[in-house]
Amino acid sequence: MASTSLINQVSKDILKKMYQEVKHGHILHYKDGDLSNDEGSNLGYISIEDFFNDRKYLESTDWKWGLRKDEIEFVIEYWEYFQLLI
């Protein structure tokens, strides 16, 4: 397991990247959870804070944009830790 300071730094770097990549700090959310359903009534935006308040958003938002595969895996593995940073 990585040290807390390393986890903290990587988490902060990922959050910074997420804020830079998404529109005004909001992530595209698919209300029905189907990322292929781009009907206007199915789309909305949630804040990054909301994203980290409910794990269900991992599957129903387009949050991976701009992140490398290892960063995506890190978010999934340490998702609860991000709640402490938000």
N, C-alpha and C. Protein backbone atom coordinates (compact mmCIF):
# COMPACT_ATOMS: atom_id res chain seq x y z
N MET A 1 0.85 -1.19 0.00
CA MET A 1 0.00 0.00 0.00
C MET A 1 0.88 1.24 0.00
N ALA A 2 0.48 2.24 -0.73
CA ALA A 2 1.24 3.48 -0.83
C ALA A 2 1.13 4.29 0.45
N SER A 3 2.11 5.14 0.69
CA SER A 3 2.06 5.99 1.88
C SER A 3 0.97 7.04 1.74
N THR A 4 0.50 7.52 2.89
CA THR A 4 -0.57 8.52 2.91
C THR A 4 -0.16 9.78 2.17
N SER A 5 1.09 10.21 2.33
CA SER A 5 1.51 11.44 1.65
C SER A 5 1.55 11.25 0.14
N LEU A 6 1.92 10.05 -0.33
CA LEU A 6 1.92 9.78 -1.76
C LEU A 6 0.48 9.73 -2.29
N ILE A 7 -0.40 9.06 -1.56
CA ILE A 7 -1.82 9.01 -1.94
C ILE A 7 -2.38 10.42 -1.99
N ASN A 8 -2.07 11.23 -1.00
CA ASN A 8 -2.54 12.60 -0.94
C ASN A 8 -2.08 13.40 -2.16
N GLN A 9 -0.81 13.29 -2.51
CA GLN A 9 -0.28 14.05 -3.64
C GLN A 9 -0.88 13.60 -4.96
N VAL A 10 -0.96 12.29 -5.16
CA VAL A 10 -1.55 11.76 -6.40
C VAL A 10 -3.01 12.18 -6.49
N SER A 11 -3.74 12.09 -5.39
CA SER A 11 -5.16 12.49 -5.38
C SER A 11 -5.32 13.96 -5.74
N LYS A 12 -4.51 14.80 -5.16
CA LYS A 12 -4.58 16.24 -5.47
C LYS A 12 -4.25 16.51 -6.94
N ASP A 13 -3.26 15.80 -7.46
CA ASP A 13 -2.90 15.97 -8.87
C ASP A 13 -4.05 15.54 -9.80
N ILE A 14 -4.70 14.44 -9.45
CA ILE A 14 -5.82 13.97 -10.25
C ILE A 14 -6.99 14.95 -10.17
N LEU A 15 -7.30 15.44 -8.97
CA LEU A 15 -8.38 16.42 -8.83
C LEU A 15 -8.09 17.67 -9.65
N LYS A 16 -6.86 18.13 -9.61
CA LYS A 16 -6.48 19.31 -10.39
C LYS A 16 -6.72 19.05 -11.88
N LYS A 17 -6.31 17.89 -12.34
CA LYS A 17 -6.51 17.54 -13.74
C LYS A 17 -8.00 17.45 -14.07
N MET A 18 -8.78 16.85 -13.17
CA MET A 18 -10.23 16.74 -13.42
C MET A 18 -10.86 18.12 -13.54
N TYR A 19 -10.50 19.04 -12.65
CA TYR A 19 -11.06 20.39 -12.72
C TYR A 19 -10.65 21.10 -14.01
N GLN A 20 -9.44 20.85 -14.48
CA GLN A 20 -8.98 21.48 -15.71
C GLN A 20 -9.68 20.91 -16.94
N GLU A 21 -10.05 19.64 -16.90
CA GLU A 21 -10.61 18.95 -18.05
C GLU A 21 -12.11 19.11 -18.21
N VAL A 22 -12.83 19.31 -17.11
CA VAL A 22 -14.29 19.34 -17.21
C VAL A 22 -14.82 20.76 -17.29
N LYS A 23 -16.00 20.87 -17.82
CA LYS A 23 -16.62 22.18 -18.04
C LYS A 23 -16.99 22.85 -16.72
N HIS A 24 -16.31 23.90 -16.38
CA HIS A 24 -16.62 24.70 -15.20
C HIS A 24 -16.73 23.87 -13.92
N GLY A 25 -15.93 22.81 -13.81
CA GLY A 25 -15.95 21.99 -12.61
C GLY A 25 -17.10 21.02 -12.53
N HIS A 26 -17.78 20.80 -13.65
CA HIS A 26 -18.91 19.88 -13.67
C HIS A 26 -18.66 18.74 -14.65
N ILE A 27 -19.16 17.58 -14.32
CA ILE A 27 -18.98 16.36 -15.10
C ILE A 27 -20.30 16.02 -15.78
N LEU A 28 -20.22 15.57 -17.03
CA LEU A 28 -21.41 15.16 -17.77
C LEU A 28 -22.00 13.91 -17.13
N HIS A 29 -23.26 14.00 -16.75
CA HIS A 29 -23.96 12.92 -16.06
C HIS A 29 -25.07 12.38 -16.96
N TYR A 30 -25.15 11.06 -17.07
CA TYR A 30 -26.19 10.38 -17.83
C TYR A 30 -27.23 9.89 -16.83
N LYS A 31 -28.39 10.51 -16.83
CA LYS A 31 -29.40 10.26 -15.80
C LYS A 31 -29.82 8.80 -15.71
N ASP A 32 -29.89 8.10 -16.86
CA ASP A 32 -30.30 6.70 -16.84
C ASP A 32 -29.11 5.75 -16.69
N GLY A 33 -27.90 6.30 -16.58
CA GLY A 33 -26.70 5.49 -16.40
C GLY A 33 -26.13 4.92 -17.68
N ASP A 34 -26.79 5.14 -18.81
CA ASP A 34 -26.35 4.60 -20.10
C ASP A 34 -25.54 5.68 -20.84
N LEU A 35 -24.23 5.52 -20.84
CA LEU A 35 -23.35 6.51 -21.44
C LEU A 35 -23.48 6.60 -22.96
N SER A 36 -24.21 5.67 -23.57
CA SER A 36 -24.44 5.74 -25.01
C SER A 36 -25.74 6.48 -25.34
N ASN A 37 -26.55 6.77 -24.34
CA ASN A 37 -27.82 7.47 -24.55
C ASN A 37 -27.59 8.98 -24.40
N ASP A 38 -27.35 9.64 -25.54
CA ASP A 38 -27.06 11.07 -25.49
C ASP A 38 -28.26 11.95 -25.82
N GLU A 39 -29.45 11.44 -25.53
CA GLU A 39 -30.67 12.24 -25.66
C GLU A 39 -30.56 13.43 -24.71
N GLY A 40 -30.98 14.59 -25.13
CA GLY A 40 -30.89 15.79 -24.31
C GLY A 40 -31.53 15.63 -22.94
N SER A 41 -32.65 14.92 -22.88
CA SER A 41 -33.35 14.75 -21.60
C SER A 41 -32.60 13.82 -20.65
N ASN A 42 -31.63 13.08 -21.16
CA ASN A 42 -30.86 12.15 -20.34
C ASN A 42 -29.57 12.77 -19.81
N LEU A 43 -29.21 13.93 -20.31
CA LEU A 43 -27.94 14.54 -19.96
C LEU A 43 -28.09 15.65 -18.93
N GLY A 44 -27.12 15.75 -18.08
CA GLY A 44 -27.05 16.82 -17.10
C GLY A 44 -25.63 16.94 -16.61
N TYR A 45 -25.40 17.87 -15.73
CA TYR A 45 -24.06 18.05 -15.16
C TYR A 45 -24.14 17.91 -13.65
N ILE A 46 -23.10 17.30 -13.09
CA ILE A 46 -22.96 17.25 -11.64
C ILE A 46 -21.60 17.83 -11.29
N SER A 47 -21.47 18.34 -10.11
CA SER A 47 -20.19 18.88 -9.68
C SER A 47 -19.23 17.74 -9.34
N ILE A 48 -17.96 18.04 -9.34
CA ILE A 48 -16.97 17.06 -8.93
C ILE A 48 -17.21 16.66 -7.47
N GLU A 49 -17.66 17.61 -6.67
CA GLU A 49 -17.98 17.32 -5.28
C GLU A 49 -19.10 16.28 -5.19
N ASP A 50 -20.16 16.48 -5.98
CA ASP A 50 -21.26 15.51 -6.00
C ASP A 50 -20.77 14.14 -6.47
N PHE A 51 -19.90 14.15 -7.47
CA PHE A 51 -19.34 12.91 -7.99
C PHE A 51 -18.70 12.09 -6.88
N PHE A 52 -17.95 12.73 -6.02
CA PHE A 52 -17.27 12.01 -4.95
C PHE A 52 -18.13 11.80 -3.71
N ASN A 53 -19.38 12.25 -3.73
CA ASN A 53 -20.29 12.00 -2.61
C ASN A 53 -21.14 10.76 -2.80
N ASP A 54 -21.15 10.20 -4.01
CA ASP A 54 -21.97 9.01 -4.25
C ASP A 54 -21.27 8.13 -5.28
N ARG A 55 -20.87 6.96 -4.86
CA ARG A 55 -20.11 6.05 -5.70
C ARG A 55 -20.86 5.63 -6.97
N LYS A 56 -22.18 5.74 -6.98
CA LYS A 56 -22.95 5.35 -8.17
C LYS A 56 -22.55 6.17 -9.40
N TYR A 57 -22.00 7.35 -9.17
CA TYR A 57 -21.62 8.21 -10.29
C TYR A 57 -20.42 7.70 -11.07
N LEU A 58 -19.67 6.75 -10.50
CA LEU A 58 -18.55 6.17 -11.24
C LEU A 58 -19.01 5.57 -12.57
N GLU A 59 -20.22 5.01 -12.57
CA GLU A 59 -20.74 4.34 -13.76
C GLU A 59 -21.66 5.22 -14.60
N SER A 60 -22.13 6.34 -14.08
CA SER A 60 -23.14 7.12 -14.81
C SER A 60 -22.66 8.51 -15.23
N THR A 61 -21.36 8.76 -15.14
CA THR A 61 -20.81 10.05 -15.56
C THR A 61 -19.62 9.84 -16.48
N ASP A 62 -19.33 10.86 -17.25
CA ASP A 62 -18.19 10.85 -18.15
C ASP A 62 -17.01 11.52 -17.45
N TRP A 63 -16.49 10.87 -16.42
CA TRP A 63 -15.48 11.46 -15.54
C TRP A 63 -14.05 11.11 -15.94
N LYS A 64 -13.87 10.19 -16.86
CA LYS A 64 -12.54 9.69 -17.19
C LYS A 64 -11.79 10.56 -18.19
N TRP A 65 -12.46 11.54 -18.74
CA TRP A 65 -11.88 12.36 -19.79
C TRP A 65 -10.60 13.03 -19.33
N GLY A 66 -9.53 12.82 -20.07
CA GLY A 66 -8.26 13.47 -19.76
C GLY A 66 -7.39 12.75 -18.76
N LEU A 67 -7.90 11.65 -18.18
CA LEU A 67 -7.11 10.89 -17.21
C LEU A 67 -6.47 9.67 -17.88
N ARG A 68 -5.26 9.36 -17.45
CA ARG A 68 -4.59 8.16 -17.92
C ARG A 68 -5.21 6.93 -17.25
N LYS A 69 -4.96 5.77 -17.82
CA LYS A 69 -5.51 4.53 -17.28
C LYS A 69 -5.13 4.32 -15.82
N ASP A 70 -3.87 4.59 -15.47
CA ASP A 70 -3.45 4.40 -14.08
C ASP A 70 -4.14 5.39 -13.14
N GLU A 71 -4.44 6.58 -13.62
CA GLU A 71 -5.16 7.57 -12.81
C GLU A 71 -6.61 7.14 -12.60
N ILE A 72 -7.22 6.59 -13.63
CA ILE A 72 -8.59 6.09 -13.53
C ILE A 72 -8.65 4.96 -12.50
N GLU A 73 -7.71 4.05 -12.58
CA GLU A 73 -7.65 2.95 -11.63
C GLU A 73 -7.43 3.46 -10.21
N PHE A 74 -6.62 4.50 -10.07
CA PHE A 74 -6.36 5.09 -8.76
C PHE A 74 -7.64 5.69 -8.18
N VAL A 75 -8.41 6.41 -8.99
CA VAL A 75 -9.66 7.01 -8.52
C VAL A 75 -10.61 5.92 -8.03
N ILE A 76 -10.71 4.84 -8.79
CA ILE A 76 -11.61 3.75 -8.40
C ILE A 76 -11.14 3.11 -7.09
N GLU A 77 -9.84 2.85 -6.98
CA GLU A 77 -9.32 2.19 -5.79
C GLU A 77 -9.37 3.06 -4.55
N TYR A 78 -9.09 4.35 -4.70
CA TYR A 78 -9.02 5.27 -3.55
C TYR A 78 -10.18 6.27 -3.54
N TRP A 79 -11.30 5.91 -4.12
CA TRP A 79 -12.44 6.81 -4.25
C TRP A 79 -12.82 7.44 -2.91
N GLU A 80 -12.86 6.63 -1.85
CA GLU A 80 -13.26 7.15 -0.55
C GLU A 80 -12.29 8.23 -0.06
N TYR A 81 -11.03 8.10 -0.39
CA TYR A 81 -10.04 9.08 0.04
C TYR A 81 -10.32 10.45 -0.56
N PHE A 82 -10.82 10.48 -1.79
CA PHE A 82 -11.12 11.76 -2.44
C PHE A 82 -12.18 12.53 -1.68
N GLN A 83 -13.05 11.83 -0.98
CA GLN A 83 -14.09 12.51 -0.18
C GLN A 83 -13.47 13.39 0.88
N LEU A 84 -12.32 13.00 1.38
CA LEU A 84 -11.63 13.80 2.41
C LEU A 84 -11.04 15.08 1.83
N LEU A 85 -10.76 15.08 0.54
CA LEU A 85 -10.12 16.23 -0.09
C LEU A 85 -11.11 17.27 -0.61
N ILE A 86 -12.33 16.84 -0.83
CA ILE A 86 -13.34 17.73 -1.41
C ILE A 86 -13.97 18.59 -0.33
